[in-house]
Structure formats: C-alpha cells, structure tokens
Amino acid sequence: MANDNQFRTRTRFLATRGVREYRATIPHVLRPDDAVLEVGCEWGTTTAVLAQHVRSVLGTDISRDCIERARTLHADIEFATLDAFDLRAVLDMSRKFTAVYMDLSGLSGYRGLLDLIALLNSYGAILAPRLIVVKSGALKHFATQCSAWSAEAPPD
C-alpha cells in the first residue's frame, strides 16, 4: 500500500529520444560544478562531451570491451565497468553525483519501460542527484501523455 513518504524524490527526470537529443541537453541542463555519472557510455563519445561541460565525469558500461575501448579513445577520462542494475556496486562507489546520464539501449522499447522507471526511481533514491537524463523514446512518449491529477484543475 502506498503512503505519502514513497516516491518523494527531489530529482528531476528528463527523457530524451535519440542520441542527438540526449547530447543536446548537456549545455542546457548541466552546471560547471556538476559531477556526472554516465550509465551506458559504450565507447565514451557522450562522456567526452560531458567532460567538456562539468567538473568531473565517470563513464560506465556493463561491457568490459567497451570500457577498454573508451579508455583507449579518451585516456584523460575516467571509466569503469558497471552493471546498471547492480545497485550495491553503485552504492559502493561512495561518490556524490549531482547528475546522471543514462543510455540503456536494452531498455529502449515499451517492454522495458517498467524496468527503466524502477531503475530511475532507484538511482533517484540512492544517489539523490539533482538531475537524471535518460535516452528513451518510450519514456519520453509516456511522459508527454502524463499529468498529475488535481481537483482544482481537472484535465481536459
């Protein structure tokens, strides 16, 4: 049974569609003093863009091969292997992130939407970042169809 204390996060969630939109958010929503965690960095291309705008960035991916290639391509940026669903490993990093960028291609369709929402909620609760930007066309579409009920302003 839900209560008033559940799902109370101060984290802002921003859903984007496609890599172009995902990267376009960077200069608009990030601050120079931000510490960013990128989950699903693959070869570190977006991580390198993030690094140009923030104090620090850590790029992570589940694939060791991707992380090795990212380190080769971007030797000046920090990368680590991480399973996005291993919340213990996320906690064990013992780092304060003010923003999280998530590009989890395996959860891009509607079938993965519930898993993605649960993951976003977990990161919001565990890391308490100011912002989470996620690349998911399904989530963006879903969010455009949502509004909060209010007796004072019922929806159309």
Protein backbone atom coordinates (compact mmCIF):
# COMPACT_ATOMS: atom_id res chain seq x y z
CA MET A 1 0.00 0.00 0.00
CA ALA A 2 1.41 3.39 -0.99
CA ASN A 3 1.84 6.17 1.52
CA ASP A 4 2.85 9.82 1.38
CA ASN A 5 6.51 9.02 2.01
CA GLN A 6 7.00 6.85 -1.06
CA PHE A 7 8.40 8.15 -4.33
CA ARG A 8 9.32 11.52 -2.85
CA THR A 9 12.47 12.49 -4.69
CA ARG A 10 13.82 15.92 -5.49
CA THR A 11 15.49 14.54 -8.60
CA ARG A 12 14.33 15.99 -11.91
CA PHE A 13 13.93 13.37 -14.65
CA LEU A 14 14.42 14.39 -18.26
CA ALA A 15 13.52 11.91 -21.02
CA THR A 16 15.07 12.30 -24.47
CA ARG A 17 14.65 10.49 -27.76
CA GLY A 18 17.77 9.53 -29.66
CA VAL A 19 21.42 10.34 -29.15
CA ARG A 20 21.18 13.79 -30.75
CA GLU A 21 18.56 14.97 -28.25
CA TYR A 22 20.39 13.23 -25.39
CA ARG A 23 23.59 15.15 -26.12
CA ALA A 24 21.76 18.41 -26.90
CA THR A 25 20.66 18.63 -23.26
CA ILE A 26 24.23 18.89 -21.98
CA PRO A 27 24.88 22.65 -22.29
CA HIS A 28 21.32 23.47 -21.21
CA VAL A 29 20.90 21.45 -18.02
CA LEU A 30 24.39 20.88 -16.64
CA ARG A 31 26.46 23.23 -14.50
CA PRO A 32 30.24 23.64 -14.50
CA ASP A 33 30.45 22.30 -10.92
CA ASP A 34 28.42 19.13 -11.66
CA ALA A 35 29.80 15.65 -11.01
CA VAL A 36 28.20 13.35 -13.61
CA LEU A 37 27.76 9.60 -13.78
CA GLU A 38 27.07 8.28 -17.25
CA VAL A 39 25.49 4.82 -17.25
CA GLY A 40 25.77 3.01 -20.58
CA CYS A 41 28.65 5.02 -22.05
CA GLU A 42 29.68 2.42 -24.64
CA TRP A 43 32.85 3.91 -26.24
CA GLY A 44 32.73 7.16 -24.28
CA THR A 45 31.66 9.55 -27.03
CA THR A 46 28.99 11.27 -24.94
CA THR A 47 31.18 11.00 -21.85
CA ALA A 48 33.82 13.08 -23.66
CA VAL A 49 31.19 15.73 -24.47
CA LEU A 50 30.03 15.72 -20.85
CA ALA A 51 33.64 16.17 -19.67
CA GLN A 52 33.86 19.48 -21.57
CA HIS A 53 30.98 20.95 -19.54
CA VAL A 54 31.34 19.66 -15.96
CA ARG A 55 33.81 19.38 -13.07
CA SER A 56 34.02 15.59 -13.27
CA VAL A 57 32.51 12.66 -15.12
CA LEU A 58 32.62 8.90 -14.73
CA GLY A 59 31.59 6.83 -17.74
CA THR A 60 30.33 3.31 -17.05
CA ASP A 61 29.18 0.37 -19.12
CA ILE A 62 28.44 -3.29 -18.48
CA SER A 63 30.81 -4.33 -21.29
CA ARG A 64 34.48 -4.61 -20.35
CA ASP A 65 35.35 -4.43 -24.06
CA CYS A 66 33.50 -1.12 -24.40
CA ILE A 67 35.25 0.29 -21.34
CA GLU A 68 38.67 -0.77 -22.67
CA ARG A 69 37.95 0.94 -25.98
CA ALA A 70 36.62 4.06 -24.20
CA ARG A 71 39.83 4.26 -22.15
CA THR A 72 41.89 3.95 -25.33
CA LEU A 73 39.90 6.64 -27.15
CA HIS A 74 39.64 9.02 -24.17
CA ALA A 75 42.66 8.41 -21.94
CA ASP A 76 42.03 11.58 -19.91
CA ILE A 77 38.53 10.49 -18.79
CA GLU A 78 37.64 8.05 -16.00
CA PHE A 79 35.74 4.89 -16.99
CA ALA A 80 34.60 1.83 -15.04
CA THR A 81 32.71 -1.39 -15.69
CA LEU A 82 29.28 -1.30 -14.06
CA ASP A 83 26.03 -3.22 -14.40
CA ALA A 84 23.35 -0.53 -14.14
CA PHE A 85 21.12 -2.91 -12.16
CA ASP A 86 23.81 -3.69 -9.57
CA LEU A 87 22.67 -1.09 -7.07
CA ARG A 88 25.15 -2.37 -4.46
CA ALA A 89 28.02 -1.55 -6.86
CA VAL A 90 26.54 1.92 -7.42
CA LEU A 91 26.43 2.50 -3.65
CA ASP A 92 29.93 1.08 -3.22
CA MET A 93 31.32 3.82 -5.48
CA SER A 94 30.80 6.14 -2.47
CA ARG A 95 30.72 9.20 -4.69
CA LYS A 96 28.37 12.14 -4.82
CA PHE A 97 26.93 12.68 -8.30
CA THR A 98 24.83 15.76 -8.99
CA ALA A 99 23.65 14.45 -12.36
CA VAL A 100 23.23 11.06 -14.03
CA TYR A 101 23.03 10.42 -17.77
CA MET A 102 21.58 7.04 -18.79
CA ASP A 103 21.78 5.47 -22.23
CA LEU A 104 20.48 1.95 -21.74
CA SER A 105 19.68 0.73 -25.24
CA GLY A 106 18.38 -2.61 -23.94
CA LEU A 107 15.53 -0.79 -22.17
CA SER A 108 14.55 1.46 -25.05
CA GLY A 109 11.24 -0.14 -26.01
CA TYR A 110 7.90 -0.29 -24.27
CA ARG A 111 8.62 -3.76 -22.87
CA GLY A 112 11.48 -2.34 -20.81
CA LEU A 113 9.60 0.77 -19.67
CA LEU A 114 8.63 -0.56 -16.22
CA ASP A 115 12.19 -1.77 -15.61
CA LEU A 116 13.51 1.63 -16.68
CA ILE A 117 11.12 3.53 -14.40
CA ALA A 118 12.09 1.28 -11.47
CA LEU A 119 15.78 1.84 -12.23
CA LEU A 120 15.34 5.62 -12.46
CA ASN A 121 13.48 5.64 -9.15
CA SER A 122 16.27 3.60 -7.55
CA TYR A 123 19.02 5.92 -8.79
CA GLY A 124 17.00 8.93 -7.64
CA ALA A 125 16.60 7.43 -4.16
CA ILE A 126 20.13 6.04 -3.79
CA LEU A 127 22.23 8.79 -5.36
CA ALA A 128 19.81 11.71 -4.89
CA PRO A 129 21.17 13.63 -7.89
CA ARG A 130 19.68 16.95 -8.91
CA LEU A 131 19.00 15.57 -12.40
CA ILE A 132 18.75 12.30 -14.34
CA VAL A 133 18.73 12.50 -18.13
CA VAL A 134 17.68 9.29 -19.86
CA LYS A 135 17.71 8.36 -23.54
CA SER A 136 14.42 6.54 -24.06
CA GLY A 137 11.89 7.36 -26.74
CA ALA A 138 9.33 5.15 -24.99
CA LEU A 139 9.72 7.03 -21.71
CA LYS A 140 9.60 10.41 -23.44
CA HIS A 141 6.36 9.48 -25.20
CA PHE A 142 4.87 8.10 -21.98
CA ALA A 143 5.84 11.27 -20.08
CA THR A 144 4.14 13.51 -22.66
CA GLN A 145 0.89 11.65 -22.01
CA CYS A 146 1.08 12.04 -18.21
CA SER A 147 -0.19 14.78 -15.96
CA ALA A 148 -0.79 14.95 -12.24
CA TRP A 149 -4.41 14.94 -11.09
CA SER A 150 -5.68 17.98 -9.25
CA ALA A 151 -9.27 18.56 -8.17
CA GLU A 152 -8.70 22.28 -8.71
CA ALA A 153 -7.58 21.78 -12.30
CA PRO A 154 -9.03 18.58 -13.75
CA PRO A 155 -7.56 17.51 -17.10
CA ASP A 156 -9.43 18.09 -20.34
